[in-house]
């Protein structure tokens, strides 16, 4: 009976874990460049007396949306934009950029976009931000002058990527990160990549998880009642 109760408790915990993931996916339907998470059970971990609930990130391409903003960029291919954070380089598929007061291209959180030569300054000769054009090969032009190429990273093992907030990722093992050649990626200017969350699929998954949790909860209550009655019978003896 103890083994059965343990299995019931694990199943309820896994369902709550999965529900949290689906809820977060649904909350980010409109988040640019967001990549959905999914849950699964690692049966080996469960065999070590653990719940076994794990998650992974689905890096499938999101739908591309035309914005005509020259500082909106999307990758219609594999790869990640590279940005500079206080903790070192980070990677993102969110291409909504602006120009800061110093003339550098940055994310909404102030992280600088990195080119092959370093942070990208788009100041023109008169000290103000110039006309920025970025080709599908990642060439960055300011007032029709080539200043740099985007650094587009390839991650050797996507499972090694960890979400660190603001749609940024880090990779613990730097050897997994390489630079893609221009012919290996496709940059789109004036375009943003949407979330890859499919609302209907996520809602169906949410319903399944909730029903599973409720049915498991009923089993737990029934088992608790049986144990209670068994205890009472024992007292009578």
C-alpha atoms as a PDB file:
ATOM      1  CA  UNK A   1       0.000   0.000   0.000  1.00  0.00           C
ATOM      2  CA  UNK A   2       2.881   2.364   0.827  1.00  0.00           C
ATOM      3  CA  UNK A   3       4.336   1.825  -2.649  1.00  0.00           C
ATOM      4  CA  UNK A   4       0.989   2.660  -4.265  1.00  0.00           C
ATOM      5  CA  UNK A   5       0.637   5.852  -2.226  1.00  0.00           C
ATOM      6  CA  UNK A   6       4.121   6.872  -3.284  1.00  0.00           C
ATOM      7  CA  UNK A   7       3.251   6.364  -6.928  1.00  0.00           C
ATOM      8  CA  UNK A   8       0.058   8.398  -6.531  1.00  0.00           C
ATOM      9  CA  UNK A   9       1.961  11.252  -4.893  1.00  0.00           C
ATOM     10  CA  UNK A  10       4.585  11.226  -7.645  1.00  0.00           C
ATOM     11  CA  UNK A  11       1.937  11.311 -10.337  1.00  0.00           C
ATOM     12  CA  UNK A  12       0.216  14.297  -8.715  1.00  0.00           C
ATOM     13  CA  UNK A  13       3.543  16.132  -8.428  1.00  0.00           C
ATOM     14  CA  UNK A  14       4.339  15.439 -12.090  1.00  0.00           C
ATOM     15  CA  UNK A  15       0.949  16.799 -13.117  1.00  0.00           C
ATOM     16  CA  UNK A  16       1.464  19.992 -11.112  1.00  0.00           C
ATOM     17  CA  UNK A  17       4.927  20.352 -12.661  1.00  0.00           C
ATOM     18  CA  UNK A  18       3.495  19.954 -16.161  1.00  0.00           C
ATOM     19  CA  UNK A  19       0.641  22.351 -15.433  1.00  0.00           C
ATOM     20  CA  UNK A  20       3.088  25.073 -14.372  1.00  0.00           C
ATOM     21  CA  UNK A  21       5.011  24.632 -17.622  1.00  0.00           C
ATOM     22  CA  UNK A  22       1.896  24.801 -19.799  1.00  0.00           C
ATOM     23  CA  UNK A  23       0.632  27.850 -17.898  1.00  0.00           C
ATOM     24  CA  UNK A  24       3.943  29.619 -18.541  1.00  0.00           C
ATOM     25  CA  UNK A  25       3.755  28.707 -22.242  1.00  0.00           C
ATOM     26  CA  UNK A  26       0.245  30.141 -22.503  1.00  0.00           C
ATOM     27  CA  UNK A  27       1.355  33.312 -20.702  1.00  0.00           C
ATOM     28  CA  UNK A  28       4.021  33.830 -23.386  1.00  0.00           C
ATOM     29  CA  UNK A  29       1.923  33.338 -26.511  1.00  0.00           C
ATOM     30  CA  UNK A  30       2.595  36.952 -27.496  1.00  0.00           C
ATOM     31  CA  UNK A  31       6.241  37.089 -26.378  1.00  0.00           C
ATOM     32  CA  UNK A  32       8.633  37.705 -29.253  1.00  0.00           C
ATOM     33  CA  UNK A  33      11.032  34.823 -29.820  1.00  0.00           C
ATOM     34  CA  UNK A  34       9.689  32.753 -26.929  1.00  0.00           C
ATOM     35  CA  UNK A  35      10.356  29.005 -27.080  1.00  0.00           C
ATOM     36  CA  UNK A  36       7.886  26.701 -25.383  1.00  0.00           C
ATOM     37  CA  UNK A  37       8.864  24.179 -22.735  1.00  0.00           C
ATOM     38  CA  UNK A  38       7.504  20.655 -22.385  1.00  0.00           C
ATOM     39  CA  UNK A  39       7.648  18.124 -19.571  1.00  0.00           C
ATOM     40  CA  UNK A  40       8.537  14.455 -19.548  1.00  0.00           C
ATOM     41  CA  UNK A  41       9.236  11.742 -17.009  1.00  0.00           C
ATOM     42  CA  UNK A  42      12.771  10.453 -16.591  1.00  0.00           C
ATOM     43  CA  UNK A  43      12.074   6.903 -15.447  1.00  0.00           C
ATOM     44  CA  UNK A  44      15.687   6.341 -14.417  1.00  0.00           C
ATOM     45  CA  UNK A  45      15.541   9.303 -12.033  1.00  0.00           C
ATOM     46  CA  UNK A  46      12.199   8.048 -10.734  1.00  0.00           C
ATOM     47  CA  UNK A  47      13.793   4.679 -10.036  1.00  0.00           C
ATOM     48  CA  UNK A  48      16.119   6.508  -7.637  1.00  0.00           C
ATOM     49  CA  UNK A  49      13.116   7.397  -5.459  1.00  0.00           C
ATOM     50  CA  UNK A  50      12.494  10.758  -7.119  1.00  0.00           C
ATOM     51  CA  UNK A  51       9.519  12.236  -8.977  1.00  0.00           C
ATOM     52  CA  UNK A  52      11.376  12.049 -12.298  1.00  0.00           C
ATOM     53  CA  UNK A  53       9.684  15.167 -13.707  1.00  0.00           C
ATOM     54  CA  UNK A  54      11.946  16.938 -16.191  1.00  0.00           C
ATOM     55  CA  UNK A  55      11.511  19.603 -18.850  1.00  0.00           C
ATOM     56  CA  UNK A  56      13.069  20.547 -22.162  1.00  0.00           C
ATOM     57  CA  UNK A  57      12.791  23.520 -24.504  1.00  0.00           C
ATOM     58  CA  UNK A  58      11.307  23.178 -27.979  1.00  0.00           C
ATOM     59  CA  UNK A  59      13.393  25.370 -30.299  1.00  0.00           C
ATOM     60  CA  UNK A  60      11.111  25.037 -33.325  1.00  0.00           C
ATOM     61  CA  UNK A  61      10.866  28.129 -35.525  1.00  0.00           C
ATOM     62  CA  UNK A  62       8.152  30.624 -34.616  1.00  0.00           C
ATOM     63  CA  UNK A  63       6.055  32.463 -37.186  1.00  0.00           C
ATOM     64  CA  UNK A  64       7.703  35.535 -38.735  1.00  0.00           C
ATOM     65  CA  UNK A  65       5.879  38.879 -38.568  1.00  0.00           C
ATOM     66  CA  UNK A  66       6.681  41.899 -40.729  1.00  0.00           C
ATOM     67  CA  UNK A  67       7.182  45.125 -38.720  1.00  0.00           C
ATOM     68  CA  UNK A  68       9.271  47.275 -41.112  1.00  0.00           C
ATOM     69  CA  UNK A  69      11.241  48.554 -38.099  1.00  0.00           C
ATOM     70  CA  UNK A  70      14.899  48.483 -39.234  1.00  0.00           C
ATOM     71  CA  UNK A  71      16.039  47.431 -35.760  1.00  0.00           C
ATOM     72  CA  UNK A  72      13.699  44.434 -35.635  1.00  0.00           C
ATOM     73  CA  UNK A  73      15.589  41.322 -36.677  1.00  0.00           C
ATOM     74  CA  UNK A  74      14.618  37.677 -37.031  1.00  0.00           C
ATOM     75  CA  UNK A  75      16.487  34.514 -37.915  1.00  0.00           C
ATOM     76  CA  UNK A  76      14.648  32.461 -40.517  1.00  0.00           C
ATOM     77  CA  UNK A  77      17.131  29.681 -39.845  1.00  0.00           C
ATOM     78  CA  UNK A  78      19.024  28.076 -37.017  1.00  0.00           C
ATOM     79  CA  UNK A  79      21.314  30.108 -34.805  1.00  0.00           C
ATOM     80  CA  UNK A  80      21.049  32.727 -32.072  1.00  0.00           C
ATOM     81  CA  UNK A  81      21.831  36.400 -31.736  1.00  0.00           C
ATOM     82  CA  UNK A  82      24.652  37.058 -29.274  1.00  0.00           C
ATOM     83  CA  UNK A  83      24.301  39.757 -26.619  1.00  0.00           C
ATOM     84  CA  UNK A  84      26.606  40.988 -23.896  1.00  0.00           C
ATOM     85  CA  UNK A  85      25.471  40.716 -20.276  1.00  0.00           C
ATOM     86  CA  UNK A  86      27.233  41.358 -16.968  1.00  0.00           C
ATOM     87  CA  UNK A  87      27.620  37.603 -16.587  1.00  0.00           C
ATOM     88  CA  UNK A  88      29.137  37.192 -20.050  1.00  0.00           C
ATOM     89  CA  UNK A  89      27.691  36.392 -23.483  1.00  0.00           C
ATOM     90  CA  UNK A  90      24.099  35.209 -23.745  1.00  0.00           C
ATOM     91  CA  UNK A  91      22.018  33.986 -26.661  1.00  0.00           C
ATOM     92  CA  UNK A  92      18.546  34.899 -27.854  1.00  0.00           C
ATOM     93  CA  UNK A  93      16.054  34.555 -30.691  1.00  0.00           C
ATOM     94  CA  UNK A  94      14.323  37.780 -29.665  1.00  0.00           C
ATOM     95  CA  UNK A  95      15.325  40.366 -32.247  1.00  0.00           C
ATOM     96  CA  UNK A  96      13.550  43.503 -31.012  1.00  0.00           C
ATOM     97  CA  UNK A  97      16.442  45.952 -30.672  1.00  0.00           C
ATOM     98  CA  UNK A  98      16.874  49.690 -30.085  1.00  0.00           C
ATOM     99  CA  UNK A  99      19.784  52.154 -30.132  1.00  0.00           C
ATOM    100  CA  UNK A 100      20.979  53.504 -26.781  1.00  0.00           C
ATOM    101  CA  UNK A 101      22.316  56.980 -26.028  1.00  0.00           C
ATOM    102  CA  UNK A 102      25.854  55.897 -26.905  1.00  0.00           C
ATOM    103  CA  UNK A 103      24.764  54.670 -30.321  1.00  0.00           C
ATOM    104  CA  UNK A 104      24.984  50.929 -29.634  1.00  0.00           C
ATOM    105  CA  UNK A 105      22.300  48.432 -30.638  1.00  0.00           C
ATOM    106  CA  UNK A 106      20.796  46.842 -27.524  1.00  0.00           C
ATOM    107  CA  UNK A 107      17.964  44.656 -26.274  1.00  0.00           C
ATOM    108  CA  UNK A 108      15.000  46.005 -24.339  1.00  0.00           C
ATOM    109  CA  UNK A 109      16.914  45.138 -21.160  1.00  0.00           C
ATOM    110  CA  UNK A 110      20.014  47.074 -22.252  1.00  0.00           C
ATOM    111  CA  UNK A 111      22.184  44.133 -23.342  1.00  0.00           C
ATOM    112  CA  UNK A 112      24.415  45.060 -26.281  1.00  0.00           C
ATOM    113  CA  UNK A 113      24.072  43.168 -29.556  1.00  0.00           C
ATOM    114  CA  UNK A 114      27.380  41.660 -30.603  1.00  0.00           C
ATOM    115  CA  UNK A 115      28.977  41.692 -34.038  1.00  0.00           C
ATOM    116  CA  UNK A 116      32.114  39.888 -35.119  1.00  0.00           C
ATOM    117  CA  UNK A 117      34.153  42.908 -33.945  1.00  0.00           C
ATOM    118  CA  UNK A 118      32.222  43.435 -30.725  1.00  0.00           C
ATOM    119  CA  UNK A 119      29.250  45.632 -29.727  1.00  0.00           C
ATOM    120  CA  UNK A 120      27.600  47.267 -32.736  1.00  0.00           C
ATOM    121  CA  UNK A 121      27.799  51.071 -32.847  1.00  0.00           C
ATOM    122  CA  UNK A 122      25.601  52.663 -35.505  1.00  0.00           C
ATOM    123  CA  UNK A 123      26.669  56.270 -35.036  1.00  0.00           C
ATOM    124  CA  UNK A 124      27.186  58.133 -38.292  1.00  0.00           C
ATOM    125  CA  UNK A 125      29.900  60.721 -38.979  1.00  0.00           C
ATOM    126  CA  UNK A 126      27.780  63.501 -37.451  1.00  0.00           C
ATOM    127  CA  UNK A 127      27.493  61.683 -34.114  1.00  0.00           C
ATOM    128  CA  UNK A 128      23.877  60.521 -34.394  1.00  0.00           C
ATOM    129  CA  UNK A 129      22.462  57.120 -35.258  1.00  0.00           C
ATOM    130  CA  UNK A 130      22.643  56.598 -38.994  1.00  0.00           C
ATOM    131  CA  UNK A 131      20.511  54.620 -41.426  1.00  0.00           C
ATOM    132  CA  UNK A 132      20.920  50.948 -40.476  1.00  0.00           C
ATOM    133  CA  UNK A 133      20.659  48.208 -43.068  1.00  0.00           C
ATOM    134  CA  UNK A 134      21.282  44.559 -42.256  1.00  0.00           C
ATOM    135  CA  UNK A 135      21.399  42.000 -45.025  1.00  0.00           C
ATOM    136  CA  UNK A 136      20.297  38.374 -44.938  1.00  0.00           C
ATOM    137  CA  UNK A 137      23.996  37.462 -44.663  1.00  0.00           C
ATOM    138  CA  UNK A 138      24.306  39.498 -41.466  1.00  0.00           C
ATOM    139  CA  UNK A 139      26.198  42.400 -43.029  1.00  0.00           C
ATOM    140  CA  UNK A 140      25.611  45.584 -41.012  1.00  0.00           C
ATOM    141  CA  UNK A 141      25.629  48.850 -42.969  1.00  0.00           C
ATOM    142  CA  UNK A 142      25.371  52.348 -41.502  1.00  0.00           C
ATOM    143  CA  UNK A 143      24.654  55.025 -44.104  1.00  0.00           C
ATOM    144  CA  UNK A 144      25.539  52.418 -46.749  1.00  0.00           C
ATOM    145  CA  UNK A 145      28.982  51.783 -45.236  1.00  0.00           C
ATOM    146  CA  UNK A 146      29.753  48.224 -44.114  1.00  0.00           C
ATOM    147  CA  UNK A 147      30.791  48.362 -40.463  1.00  0.00           C
ATOM    148  CA  UNK A 148      30.586  44.741 -39.265  1.00  0.00           C
ATOM    149  CA  UNK A 149      28.834  41.382 -39.506  1.00  0.00           C
ATOM    150  CA  UNK A 150      26.404  40.036 -36.936  1.00  0.00           C
ATOM    151  CA  UNK A 151      27.730  37.319 -34.673  1.00  0.00           C
ATOM    152  CA  UNK A 152      25.263  34.443 -35.103  1.00  0.00           C
ATOM    153  CA  UNK A 153      25.991  31.555 -32.766  1.00  0.00           C
ATOM    154  CA  UNK A 154      25.464  27.877 -33.325  1.00  0.00           C
ATOM    155  CA  UNK A 155      24.916  25.774 -30.196  1.00  0.00           C
ATOM    156  CA  UNK A 156      26.205  22.244 -30.641  1.00  0.00           C
ATOM    157  CA  UNK A 157      23.784  20.726 -28.135  1.00  0.00           C
ATOM    158  CA  UNK A 158      20.531  22.629 -27.588  1.00  0.00           C
ATOM    159  CA  UNK A 159      19.878  20.551 -24.484  1.00  0.00           C
ATOM    160  CA  UNK A 160      22.767  22.403 -22.835  1.00  0.00           C
ATOM    161  CA  UNK A 161      20.952  25.738 -23.120  1.00  0.00           C
ATOM    162  CA  UNK A 162      19.513  27.197 -19.922  1.00  0.00           C
ATOM    163  CA  UNK A 163      16.876  29.910 -19.782  1.00  0.00           C
ATOM    164  CA  UNK A 164      18.043  32.855 -17.662  1.00  0.00           C
ATOM    165  CA  UNK A 165      15.088  35.211 -18.137  1.00  0.00           C
ATOM    166  CA  UNK A 166      14.140  37.901 -20.682  1.00  0.00           C
ATOM    167  CA  UNK A 167      14.275  35.232 -23.423  1.00  0.00           C
ATOM    168  CA  UNK A 168      18.016  34.856 -22.914  1.00  0.00           C
ATOM    169  CA  UNK A 169      19.968  31.614 -22.724  1.00  0.00           C
ATOM    170  CA  UNK A 170      23.374  30.642 -21.489  1.00  0.00           C
ATOM    171  CA  UNK A 171      25.484  27.579 -22.146  1.00  0.00           C
ATOM    172  CA  UNK A 172      27.618  26.117 -19.378  1.00  0.00           C
ATOM    173  CA  UNK A 173      30.094  24.525 -21.785  1.00  0.00           C
ATOM    174  CA  UNK A 174      31.573  27.202 -24.054  1.00  0.00           C
ATOM    175  CA  UNK A 175      33.054  24.559 -26.356  1.00  0.00           C
ATOM    176  CA  UNK A 176      29.517  23.909 -27.628  1.00  0.00           C
ATOM    177  CA  UNK A 177      29.311  27.440 -29.097  1.00  0.00           C
ATOM    178  CA  UNK A 178      30.603  28.160 -32.589  1.00  0.00           C
ATOM    179  CA  UNK A 179      30.145  30.968 -35.090  1.00  0.00           C
ATOM    180  CA  UNK A 180      27.880  30.238 -38.044  1.00  0.00           C
ATOM    181  CA  UNK A 181      29.099  31.248 -41.491  1.00  0.00           C
ATOM    182  CA  UNK A 182      26.878  33.760 -43.362  1.00  0.00           C
ATOM    183  CA  UNK A 183      25.638  31.109 -45.798  1.00  0.00           C
ATOM    184  CA  UNK A 184      24.407  29.029 -42.837  1.00  0.00           C
ATOM    185  CA  UNK A 185      21.862  31.528 -41.523  1.00  0.00           C
ATOM    186  CA  UNK A 186      19.210  33.901 -42.823  1.00  0.00           C
ATOM    187  CA  UNK A 187      18.717  37.279 -41.145  1.00  0.00           C
ATOM    188  CA  UNK A 188      15.504  39.189 -41.869  1.00  0.00           C
ATOM    189  CA  UNK A 189      15.421  42.935 -41.193  1.00  0.00           C
ATOM    190  CA  UNK A 190      12.120  44.579 -40.263  1.00  0.00           C
ATOM    191  CA  UNK A 191      10.784  41.207 -39.098  1.00  0.00           C
ATOM    192  CA  UNK A 192      10.225  39.587 -35.701  1.00  0.00           C
ATOM    193  CA  UNK A 193       9.910  35.917 -34.834  1.00  0.00           C
ATOM    194  CA  UNK A 194       6.823  35.170 -32.786  1.00  0.00           C
ATOM    195  CA  UNK A 195       6.403  32.642 -30.003  1.00  0.00           C
ATOM    196  CA  UNK A 196       6.306  28.999 -31.111  1.00  0.00           C
ATOM    197  CA  UNK A 197       3.501  28.245 -28.629  1.00  0.00           C
ATOM    198  CA  UNK A 198       0.418  26.678 -30.247  1.00  0.00           C
ATOM    199  CA  UNK A 199      -2.500  27.856 -28.050  1.00  0.00           C
ATOM    200  CA  UNK A 200      -4.922  25.051 -28.917  1.00  0.00           C
ATOM    201  CA  UNK A 201      -2.345  22.333 -28.284  1.00  0.00           C
ATOM    202  CA  UNK A 202      -1.368  23.881 -24.972  1.00  0.00           C
ATOM    203  CA  UNK A 203      -4.993  24.187 -23.850  1.00  0.00           C
ATOM    204  CA  UNK A 204      -5.611  20.515 -24.702  1.00  0.00           C
ATOM    205  CA  UNK A 205      -2.517  19.576 -22.720  1.00  0.00           C
ATOM    206  CA  UNK A 206      -3.685  21.703 -19.783  1.00  0.00           C
ATOM    207  CA  UNK A 207      -7.078  19.961 -19.737  1.00  0.00           C
ATOM    208  CA  UNK A 208      -5.419  16.531 -19.869  1.00  0.00           C
ATOM    209  CA  UNK A 209      -3.117  17.400 -16.967  1.00  0.00           C
ATOM    210  CA  UNK A 210      -5.955  18.776 -14.851  1.00  0.00           C
ATOM    211  CA  UNK A 211      -8.134  15.714 -15.472  1.00  0.00           C
ATOM    212  CA  UNK A 212      -5.241  13.406 -14.662  1.00  0.00           C
ATOM    213  CA  UNK A 213      -4.531  15.323 -11.463  1.00  0.00           C
ATOM    214  CA  UNK A 214      -8.195  15.220 -10.405  1.00  0.00           C
ATOM    215  CA  UNK A 215      -8.510  11.485 -11.078  1.00  0.00           C
ATOM    216  CA  UNK A 216      -5.289  10.792  -9.180  1.00  0.00           C
ATOM    217  CA  UNK A 217      -6.545  12.982  -6.344  1.00  0.00           C
ATOM    218  CA  UNK A 218      -9.715  10.871  -6.132  1.00  0.00           C
ATOM    219  CA  UNK A 219      -7.596   7.721  -5.960  1.00  0.00           C
ATOM    220  CA  UNK A 220      -5.539   9.248  -3.138  1.00  0.00           C
ATOM    221  CA  UNK A 221      -8.706  10.100  -1.182  1.00  0.00           C
ATOM    222  CA  UNK A 222     -10.096   6.606  -1.684  1.00  0.00           C
ATOM    223  CA  UNK A 223      -6.846   5.025  -0.509  1.00  0.00           C
ATOM    224  CA  UNK A 224      -6.795   7.345   2.489  1.00  0.00           C
ATOM    225  CA  UNK A 225     -10.303   6.241   3.417  1.00  0.00           C
ATOM    226  CA  UNK A 226      -9.324   2.580   3.108  1.00  0.00           C
ATOM    227  CA  UNK A 227      -6.298   3.127   5.343  1.00  0.00           C
ATOM    228  CA  UNK A 228      -8.476   4.978   7.843  1.00  0.00           C
ATOM    229  CA  UNK A 229     -10.955   2.109   8.025  1.00  0.00           C
ATOM    230  CA  UNK A 230      -8.132  -0.425   8.373  1.00  0.00           C
ATOM    231  CA  UNK A 231      -6.744   1.571  11.281  1.00  0.00           C
ATOM    232  CA  UNK A 232     -10.157   1.647  12.970  1.00  0.00           C
ATOM    233  CA  UNK A 233     -10.515  -2.137  12.600  1.00  0.00           C
ATOM    234  CA  UNK A 234      -7.114  -2.575  14.133  1.00  0.00           C
ATOM    235  CA  UNK A 235      -8.150  -0.478  17.122  1.00  0.00           C
ATOM    236  CA  UNK A 236     -11.231  -2.679  17.694  1.00  0.00           C
ATOM    237  CA  UNK A 237      -9.000  -5.718  18.034  1.00  0.00           C
END
